[in-house]
Amino acid sequence: MSGLPTQHAVPALVLAYFAYYGVLGIFIPYLGLFLDGRGLSSYDIGVLLALVTATRIVGPSLWAAVAERQGRPLLIMRLGAVLALLGWLSSFFDQGFWLLLLGFSIFSFFWTAILPQLEVTTFHFLNDNTSRYSRIRSSGSVGYIVLVLIGGVLLQSLGTESLPYGAAILMLLLIGSLFLLPELTPPTESSSARKGFGRLLSQPVFLCFMGAAFILQMSFAPFYGFFTLYARDLGYSGVATGLFISLAVLAEIVAFFWMGALLKQRSYRLVLSCCYGLTMLRWLMLAYLAHSPLWLAVSMLMHAGSFAIAHSCAMHFVQHYFPKALRSRGQALYAGLIFGGGGAVGAYAAGILWQDGVGSTQTFVIAAATAGVAMLFALCLPAQVHAAASERTAN
């Protein structure tokens, strides 16, 4: 990779991450409030989030296969962004549950074409430099926090119906940033590599890693789906809720920025297990101490470990476990099973347990127990990722 394409790619990558996670900064924290404002029950919200999230199970792998076959990952990302925007337009019309289900399913399915290819493209331009990746990825956290703050102000002043407009503007920005990226040619995948992919998936270390990540993602569902409703029920304003979420993302940005130095020369198993244990503690604090602004702020600062460091560890694992020709497929599999499968199962369970706020404490306690199980899985991982690579070579 020559320096010139990389030099031109970095600003576009920064903008792409900013816009992509900016959309999520509106979609994730405030979607529950938006759907509640449309008159949906917590069960309906849980079902909607679960079915929408379920599209992410098959979507990433499907789009990765198409990108590999066509040899044009940028085309897949651009197409996905445009069609996701078209699906999102359904949110502009207040026609009940079924139109939202259809529109959000379309949005989510095509949205899955973007991130795995963006991750692989970023590592490609950066020559697999994890430290530089973490710093570019932090621009996504900046986008998230900016839109969380703006979203909180807009929702308080203009109401929940302002949400569709803000997200649509960010999607247009994302589309523009993807067209700024220079073209790249993905590595050629040999027939032996294709056959080796199945063997990699059956290795105990990979199954343990995916099991831990899947279970942890389940535990995040109450926070992603119902935190803004929970904060409202505790008496916090929309602006205050946005500030709390922004505090979490500020901690995330700092963690992403220093992640490369943190993971270097440290036990992978120890770092990931600590992150999962911190997540368990975080959900318990939300269950019993969220009425206190101080303790709620402390729980939000834990997002640095429970998400940012854990996510960087996961990306580090995938990049080192899979050979270059299979990383796109590996990233897609991770995104589909973890964010899609784990998120869908968790969202459905949270929708049942929440009971319009009556079961909020119980839901977060169960989430904490779930994170504890994930920590036990993480403790079974090797100390260093190269142990996985050695096992792969031996087979």
Protein backbone atom coordinates (compact mmCIF):
# COMPACT_ATOMS: atom_id res chain seq x y z
CA MET A 1 0.00 0.00 0.00
CA SER A 2 1.56 3.29 -1.07
CA GLY A 3 1.52 6.31 1.20
CA LEU A 4 -0.61 8.42 -1.16
CA PRO A 5 -3.81 6.31 -1.06
CA THR A 6 -3.48 6.00 2.73
CA GLN A 7 -2.99 9.73 3.10
CA HIS A 8 -6.15 10.42 1.11
CA ALA A 9 -8.08 7.62 2.82
CA VAL A 10 -7.61 8.68 6.45
CA PRO A 11 -9.76 11.87 6.37
CA ALA A 12 -12.53 10.01 4.54
CA LEU A 13 -12.33 7.15 7.05
CA VAL A 14 -12.54 9.60 9.94
CA LEU A 15 -15.62 11.21 8.39
CA ALA A 16 -17.19 7.83 7.65
CA TYR A 17 -16.81 6.63 11.23
CA PHE A 18 -18.08 9.98 12.52
CA ALA A 19 -21.22 9.80 10.38
CA TYR A 20 -21.86 6.09 10.91
CA TYR A 21 -21.75 6.29 14.67
CA GLY A 22 -23.45 9.67 14.61
CA VAL A 23 -26.50 7.89 13.19
CA LEU A 24 -26.26 5.38 16.03
CA GLY A 25 -25.95 8.27 18.48
CA ILE A 26 -29.49 9.20 17.51
CA PHE A 27 -30.84 5.73 16.83
CA ILE A 28 -29.66 3.77 19.88
CA PRO A 29 -30.25 6.09 22.88
CA TYR A 30 -33.45 7.72 21.70
CA LEU A 31 -35.22 5.06 19.67
CA GLY A 32 -37.05 3.80 22.76
CA LEU A 33 -38.39 7.29 23.45
CA PHE A 34 -39.34 7.70 19.79
CA LEU A 35 -41.25 4.41 19.69
CA ASP A 36 -42.86 5.15 23.06
CA GLY A 37 -43.99 8.48 21.64
CA ARG A 38 -45.60 6.60 18.76
CA GLY A 39 -47.69 4.69 21.31
CA LEU A 40 -45.87 1.32 21.29
CA SER A 41 -45.73 -0.81 24.46
CA SER A 42 -42.45 -2.06 25.90
CA TYR A 43 -43.27 -5.53 24.52
CA ASP A 44 -43.81 -4.05 21.04
CA ILE A 45 -40.58 -2.11 21.35
CA GLY A 46 -38.70 -5.26 22.39
CA VAL A 47 -40.16 -7.27 19.50
CA LEU A 48 -39.37 -4.49 17.02
CA LEU A 49 -35.78 -4.14 18.24
CA ALA A 50 -35.28 -7.91 18.28
CA LEU A 51 -36.58 -8.44 14.75
CA VAL A 52 -34.66 -5.47 13.42
CA THR A 53 -31.50 -6.64 15.15
CA ALA A 54 -32.03 -10.17 13.81
CA THR A 55 -31.46 -8.88 10.28
CA ARG A 56 -27.88 -8.29 11.38
CA ILE A 57 -27.33 -12.02 11.86
CA VAL A 58 -27.30 -12.94 8.17
CA GLY A 59 -26.74 -9.48 6.69
CA PRO A 60 -23.01 -9.00 7.36
CA SER A 61 -22.00 -12.44 6.07
CA LEU A 62 -24.19 -12.07 3.00
CA TRP A 63 -22.74 -8.68 2.14
CA ALA A 64 -19.19 -9.89 2.83
CA ALA A 65 -19.71 -12.77 0.38
CA VAL A 66 -21.02 -10.34 -2.24
CA ALA A 67 -18.09 -7.97 -1.65
CA GLU A 68 -15.59 -10.81 -2.04
CA ARG A 69 -17.25 -12.07 -5.21
CA GLN A 70 -17.52 -8.64 -6.80
CA GLY A 71 -14.14 -7.51 -5.54
CA ARG A 72 -15.58 -4.03 -4.83
CA PRO A 73 -16.21 -3.56 -1.11
CA LEU A 74 -16.65 0.20 -1.50
CA LEU A 75 -19.51 -0.37 -3.92
CA ILE A 76 -21.22 -2.61 -1.37
CA MET A 77 -20.81 0.01 1.38
CA ARG A 78 -22.17 2.79 -0.82
CA LEU A 79 -25.12 0.72 -1.99
CA GLY A 80 -25.88 -0.31 1.59
CA ALA A 81 -25.84 3.28 2.84
CA VAL A 82 -28.17 4.51 0.09
CA LEU A 83 -30.71 1.70 0.54
CA ALA A 84 -30.55 2.00 4.34
CA LEU A 85 -31.54 5.64 3.98
CA LEU A 86 -34.51 4.64 1.83
CA GLY A 87 -35.66 2.18 4.50
CA TRP A 88 -35.23 4.82 7.19
CA LEU A 89 -37.67 7.14 5.40
CA SER A 90 -40.53 4.98 6.74
CA SER A 91 -39.95 6.58 10.16
CA PHE A 92 -41.24 9.89 8.77
CA PHE A 93 -44.78 8.46 8.63
CA ASP A 94 -46.84 7.69 11.73
CA GLN A 95 -48.67 4.61 10.44
CA GLY A 96 -48.21 2.23 13.36
CA PHE A 97 -46.11 -0.80 14.24
CA TRP A 98 -46.07 -2.68 10.94
CA LEU A 99 -44.72 0.13 8.75
CA LEU A 100 -41.99 0.75 11.30
CA LEU A 101 -41.16 -2.94 11.38
CA LEU A 102 -40.89 -3.09 7.60
CA GLY A 103 -38.91 0.12 7.26
CA PHE A 104 -36.53 -0.57 10.12
CA SER A 105 -35.91 -4.11 8.89
CA ILE A 106 -34.92 -2.74 5.47
CA PHE A 107 -32.77 -0.09 7.13
CA SER A 108 -31.04 -2.60 9.40
CA PHE A 109 -30.44 -5.18 6.67
CA PHE A 110 -28.70 -2.75 4.33
CA TRP A 111 -26.98 -1.00 7.23
CA THR A 112 -25.13 -4.28 7.87
CA ALA A 113 -23.35 -3.89 4.54
CA ILE A 114 -21.33 -0.99 5.88
CA LEU A 115 -19.42 -1.61 9.11
CA PRO A 116 -17.64 -4.96 8.47
CA GLN A 117 -16.37 -3.70 5.13
CA LEU A 118 -15.41 -0.38 6.69
CA GLU A 119 -13.42 -2.15 9.42
CA VAL A 120 -11.58 -4.33 6.90
CA THR A 121 -10.97 -1.35 4.61
CA THR A 122 -9.56 0.69 7.50
CA PHE A 123 -7.15 -2.05 8.57
CA HIS A 124 -6.18 -2.47 4.91
CA PHE A 125 -5.23 1.18 4.53
CA LEU A 126 -3.45 1.18 7.91
CA ASN A 127 -1.49 -2.02 7.25
CA ASP A 128 -3.12 -3.75 10.26
CA ASN A 129 -1.89 -1.12 12.73
CA THR A 130 -4.21 -1.60 15.75
CA SER A 131 -3.09 1.62 17.46
CA ARG A 132 -3.87 3.77 14.40
CA TYR A 133 -7.17 1.92 13.95
CA SER A 134 -8.23 2.72 17.52
CA ARG A 135 -7.51 6.41 16.98
CA ILE A 136 -9.45 6.58 13.73
CA ARG A 137 -12.25 4.57 15.33
CA SER A 138 -12.41 7.18 18.11
CA SER A 139 -13.83 9.61 15.53
CA GLY A 140 -16.90 7.38 15.54
CA SER A 141 -17.18 7.89 19.28
CA VAL A 142 -16.90 11.64 18.75
CA GLY A 143 -19.74 11.45 16.23
CA TYR A 144 -21.78 9.41 18.66
CA ILE A 145 -21.31 11.83 21.55
CA VAL A 146 -21.99 14.93 19.43
CA LEU A 147 -25.24 13.50 18.15
CA VAL A 148 -26.27 12.23 21.59
CA LEU A 149 -25.92 15.78 22.91
CA ILE A 150 -27.67 17.35 19.92
CA GLY A 151 -30.34 14.66 20.04
CA GLY A 152 -31.07 15.30 23.71
CA VAL A 153 -31.53 19.02 23.06
CA LEU A 154 -33.68 18.43 19.97
CA LEU A 155 -35.90 15.89 21.70
CA GLN A 156 -36.46 18.22 24.64
CA SER A 157 -37.21 21.25 22.47
CA LEU A 158 -38.83 19.71 19.37
CA GLY A 159 -40.07 16.34 20.62
CA THR A 160 -39.37 12.78 19.54
CA GLU A 161 -40.56 13.36 15.97
CA SER A 162 -37.33 15.26 15.27
CA LEU A 163 -35.37 11.99 15.46
CA PRO A 164 -35.98 10.81 11.85
CA TYR A 165 -34.71 14.09 10.40
CA GLY A 166 -31.46 14.12 12.38
CA ALA A 167 -30.62 10.53 11.45
CA ALA A 168 -31.39 11.14 7.76
CA ILE A 169 -28.97 14.08 7.64
CA LEU A 170 -26.18 11.94 9.11
CA MET A 171 -26.89 9.17 6.59
CA LEU A 172 -26.43 11.64 3.76
CA LEU A 173 -23.09 12.66 5.29
CA LEU A 174 -22.08 9.00 5.51
CA ILE A 175 -22.93 8.43 1.85
CA GLY A 176 -20.80 11.41 0.88
CA SER A 177 -17.83 10.19 2.96
CA LEU A 178 -17.94 6.73 1.35
CA PHE A 179 -17.71 8.30 -2.09
CA LEU A 180 -14.55 10.13 -0.94
CA LEU A 181 -12.72 6.89 -0.16
CA PRO A 182 -10.20 5.75 -2.80
CA GLU A 183 -10.79 2.38 -4.43
CA LEU A 184 -8.91 -0.64 -3.15
CA THR A 185 -8.40 -4.19 -4.26
CA PRO A 186 -9.09 -6.81 -1.56
CA PRO A 187 -6.59 -9.66 -1.10
CA THR A 188 -7.15 -12.69 -3.31
CA GLU A 189 -8.73 -15.64 -1.55
CA SER A 190 -7.41 -19.04 -2.55
CA SER A 191 -9.46 -22.22 -2.58
CA SER A 192 -7.37 -23.58 0.30
CA ALA A 193 -8.20 -20.46 2.33
CA ARG A 194 -11.89 -20.93 1.66
CA LYS A 195 -11.68 -24.52 2.89
CA GLY A 196 -9.69 -23.39 5.94
CA PHE A 197 -12.38 -20.97 7.03
CA GLY A 198 -14.62 -23.78 8.30
CA ARG A 199 -11.75 -25.28 10.29
CA LEU A 200 -11.05 -21.93 11.94
CA LEU A 201 -14.66 -21.68 13.11
CA SER A 202 -14.52 -25.05 14.84
CA GLN A 203 -11.46 -24.30 16.99
CA PRO A 204 -12.24 -24.26 20.76
CA VAL A 205 -10.53 -20.89 21.26
CA PHE A 206 -12.74 -19.28 18.61
CA LEU A 207 -15.92 -20.86 19.98
CA CYS A 208 -15.02 -19.65 23.46
CA PHE A 209 -14.30 -16.13 22.20
CA MET A 210 -17.58 -15.93 20.25
CA GLY A 211 -19.57 -17.39 23.15
CA ALA A 212 -18.21 -14.78 25.54
CA ALA A 213 -18.88 -11.91 23.12
CA PHE A 214 -22.40 -13.21 22.29
CA ILE A 215 -23.42 -13.45 25.93
CA LEU A 216 -21.95 -10.05 26.77
CA GLN A 217 -23.86 -8.43 23.90
CA MET A 218 -27.09 -9.92 25.27
CA SER A 219 -26.44 -8.09 28.54
CA PHE A 220 -26.27 -4.72 26.74
CA ALA A 221 -29.84 -4.96 25.41
CA PRO A 222 -31.64 -3.29 28.37
CA PHE A 223 -29.18 -0.39 28.26
CA TYR A 224 -29.42 0.12 24.51
CA GLY A 225 -33.18 -0.37 24.30
CA PHE A 226 -34.54 1.16 27.49
CA PHE A 227 -32.00 3.41 29.20
CA THR A 228 -33.58 6.68 28.06
CA LEU A 229 -37.00 5.48 29.26
CA TYR A 230 -35.40 4.32 32.51
CA ALA A 231 -33.74 7.71 33.03
CA ARG A 232 -37.00 9.50 32.29
CA ASP A 233 -38.84 7.35 34.83
CA LEU A 234 -36.15 8.22 37.41
CA GLY A 235 -36.85 11.92 36.82
CA TYR A 236 -33.91 12.90 34.60
CA SER A 237 -34.55 15.38 31.79
CA GLY A 238 -33.75 14.66 28.15
CA VAL A 239 -30.74 16.95 28.30
CA ALA A 240 -29.46 15.30 31.50
CA THR A 241 -29.87 11.87 29.91
CA GLY A 242 -27.92 13.03 26.87
CA LEU A 243 -25.14 14.33 29.13
CA PHE A 244 -24.91 11.00 30.95
CA ILE A 245 -24.65 9.11 27.67
CA SER A 246 -22.10 11.63 26.43
CA LEU A 247 -20.02 11.02 29.55
CA ALA A 248 -19.94 7.32 28.64
CA VAL A 249 -18.81 8.10 25.13
CA LEU A 250 -16.13 10.52 26.37
CA ALA A 251 -14.71 7.67 28.42
CA GLU A 252 -14.95 5.49 25.31
CA ILE A 253 -12.99 8.02 23.24
CA VAL A 254 -10.15 8.14 25.78
CA ALA A 255 -10.07 4.33 25.91
CA PHE A 256 -9.96 3.98 22.12
CA PHE A 257 -7.18 6.54 21.88
CA TRP A 258 -4.92 4.68 24.31
CA MET A 259 -6.05 1.14 23.51
CA GLY A 260 -2.95 0.19 21.53
CA ALA A 261 -0.65 0.94 24.48
CA LEU A 262 -3.00 -0.77 26.93
CA LEU A 263 -3.15 -4.11 25.13
CA LYS A 264 0.56 -4.20 24.33
CA GLN A 265 2.49 -6.71 26.45
CA ARG A 266 -0.59 -7.51 28.55
CA SER A 267 -2.58 -10.69 28.86
CA TYR A 268 -5.45 -10.66 26.39
CA ARG A 269 -7.44 -12.95 28.69
CA LEU A 270 -6.90 -10.64 31.67
CA VAL A 271 -7.90 -7.47 29.82
CA LEU A 272 -11.06 -8.97 28.32
CA SER A 273 -12.11 -10.66 31.58
CA CYS A 274 -11.70 -7.38 33.49
CA CYS A 275 -13.84 -5.60 30.89
CA TYR A 276 -16.61 -8.19 31.24
CA GLY A 277 -16.43 -8.10 35.04
CA LEU A 278 -16.67 -4.30 34.92
CA THR A 279 -19.79 -4.64 32.77
CA MET A 280 -21.40 -6.88 35.38
CA LEU A 281 -20.73 -4.27 38.06
CA ARG A 282 -22.03 -1.54 35.77
CA TRP A 283 -25.43 -3.18 35.30
CA LEU A 284 -25.78 -3.74 39.06
CA MET A 285 -25.12 -0.05 39.63
CA LEU A 286 -27.81 0.84 37.10
CA ALA A 287 -30.23 -1.52 38.86
CA TYR A 288 -29.76 -0.14 42.38
CA LEU A 289 -27.93 3.21 42.27
CA ALA A 290 -29.15 4.98 39.13
CA HIS A 291 -31.32 7.36 41.16
CA SER A 292 -28.08 9.01 42.31
CA PRO A 293 -26.54 11.28 39.62
CA LEU A 294 -23.06 10.60 41.01
CA TRP A 295 -23.32 6.81 40.84
CA LEU A 296 -25.04 6.98 37.47
CA ALA A 297 -22.11 9.04 36.18
CA VAL A 298 -19.65 6.47 37.58
CA SER A 299 -21.51 3.67 35.82
CA MET A 300 -21.31 5.60 32.56
CA LEU A 301 -17.54 6.01 32.90
CA MET A 302 -17.33 2.21 33.01
CA HIS A 303 -18.32 2.25 29.34
CA ALA A 304 -14.61 2.73 28.62
CA GLY A 305 -13.98 -0.86 29.66
CA SER A 306 -17.28 -2.59 28.99
CA PHE A 307 -17.44 -1.39 25.39
CA ALA A 308 -14.39 0.47 24.04
CA ILE A 309 -11.61 -1.75 25.37
CA ALA A 310 -13.67 -4.92 24.89
CA HIS A 311 -14.47 -3.96 21.28
CA SER A 312 -10.85 -3.15 20.47
CA CYS A 313 -9.83 -6.50 21.95
CA ALA A 314 -12.40 -8.22 19.73
CA MET A 315 -11.12 -6.45 16.61
CA HIS A 316 -7.56 -7.35 17.62
CA PHE A 317 -8.59 -11.00 17.99
CA VAL A 318 -10.33 -11.15 14.61
CA GLN A 319 -7.44 -9.45 12.80
CA HIS A 320 -4.89 -11.84 14.29
CA TYR A 321 -6.97 -15.02 14.21
CA PHE A 322 -8.01 -14.90 10.55
CA PRO A 323 -5.53 -14.69 7.64
CA LYS A 324 -5.85 -11.59 5.46
CA ALA A 325 -7.91 -13.26 2.76
CA LEU A 326 -10.55 -14.27 5.32
CA ARG A 327 -10.72 -11.18 7.50
CA SER A 328 -13.69 -9.66 5.68
CA ARG A 329 -15.66 -12.85 6.25
CA GLY A 330 -14.42 -13.07 9.84
CA GLN A 331 -15.47 -9.49 10.58
CA ALA A 332 -18.88 -10.14 9.01
CA LEU A 333 -19.37 -13.32 11.01
CA TYR A 334 -18.47 -11.50 14.22
CA ALA A 335 -20.80 -8.58 13.47
CA GLY A 336 -23.66 -10.87 12.48
CA LEU A 337 -23.54 -13.33 15.35
CA ILE A 338 -22.58 -10.91 18.10
CA PHE A 339 -24.34 -7.64 17.31
CA GLY A 340 -27.11 -9.37 15.38
CA GLY A 341 -27.71 -12.62 17.24
CA GLY A 342 -26.69 -11.52 20.73
CA GLY A 343 -28.45 -8.18 20.31
CA ALA A 344 -31.66 -9.80 19.03
CA VAL A 345 -31.89 -12.39 21.81
CA GLY A 346 -31.12 -9.75 24.42
CA ALA A 347 -33.61 -7.24 23.00
CA TYR A 348 -36.42 -9.78 22.92
CA ALA A 349 -35.73 -10.90 26.50
CA ALA A 350 -35.44 -7.31 27.72
CA GLY A 351 -38.76 -6.40 26.08
CA ILE A 352 -40.47 -9.18 28.04
CA LEU A 353 -38.73 -8.47 31.34
CA TRP A 354 -39.07 -4.67 31.28
CA GLN A 355 -42.89 -4.64 31.69
CA ASP A 356 -43.26 -0.92 30.89
CA GLY A 357 -40.69 -0.06 33.58
CA VAL A 358 -42.06 -2.23 36.41
CA GLY A 359 -39.37 -4.85 35.86
CA SER A 360 -36.47 -2.46 35.20
CA THR A 361 -34.44 -3.39 38.30
CA GLN A 362 -34.88 -7.10 37.71
CA THR A 363 -33.89 -6.68 34.05
CA PHE A 364 -30.58 -5.00 34.88
CA VAL A 365 -29.83 -7.60 37.57
CA ILE A 366 -30.34 -10.37 35.00
CA ALA A 367 -28.13 -8.42 32.58
CA ALA A 368 -25.42 -8.31 35.27
CA ALA A 369 -25.65 -12.07 35.77
CA THR A 370 -25.39 -12.54 32.00
CA ALA A 371 -22.23 -10.42 31.88
CA GLY A 372 -20.83 -12.56 34.70
CA VAL A 373 -21.29 -15.69 32.59
CA ALA A 374 -19.49 -13.94 29.72
CA MET A 375 -16.59 -13.20 32.06
CA LEU A 376 -16.28 -16.91 32.89
CA PHE A 377 -16.03 -17.69 29.18
CA ALA A 378 -13.39 -14.98 28.73
CA LEU A 379 -11.28 -16.48 31.52
CA CYS A 380 -10.94 -19.63 29.37
CA LEU A 381 -9.28 -17.74 26.51
CA PRO A 382 -5.51 -17.87 25.87
CA ALA A 383 -3.35 -15.16 27.40
CA GLN A 384 -2.25 -13.89 23.98
CA VAL A 385 -3.99 -13.93 20.60
CA HIS A 386 -0.94 -15.48 18.95
CA ALA A 387 -1.87 -18.67 20.81
CA ALA A 388 -4.92 -18.85 18.55
CA ALA A 389 -2.73 -18.31 15.50
CA SER A 390 -0.42 -21.11 16.60
CA GLU A 391 -3.32 -23.49 17.01
CA ARG A 392 -4.59 -22.47 13.58
CA THR A 393 -1.21 -23.18 11.98
CA ALA A 394 -0.96 -26.53 13.69
CA ASN A 395 -4.24 -27.57 12.17
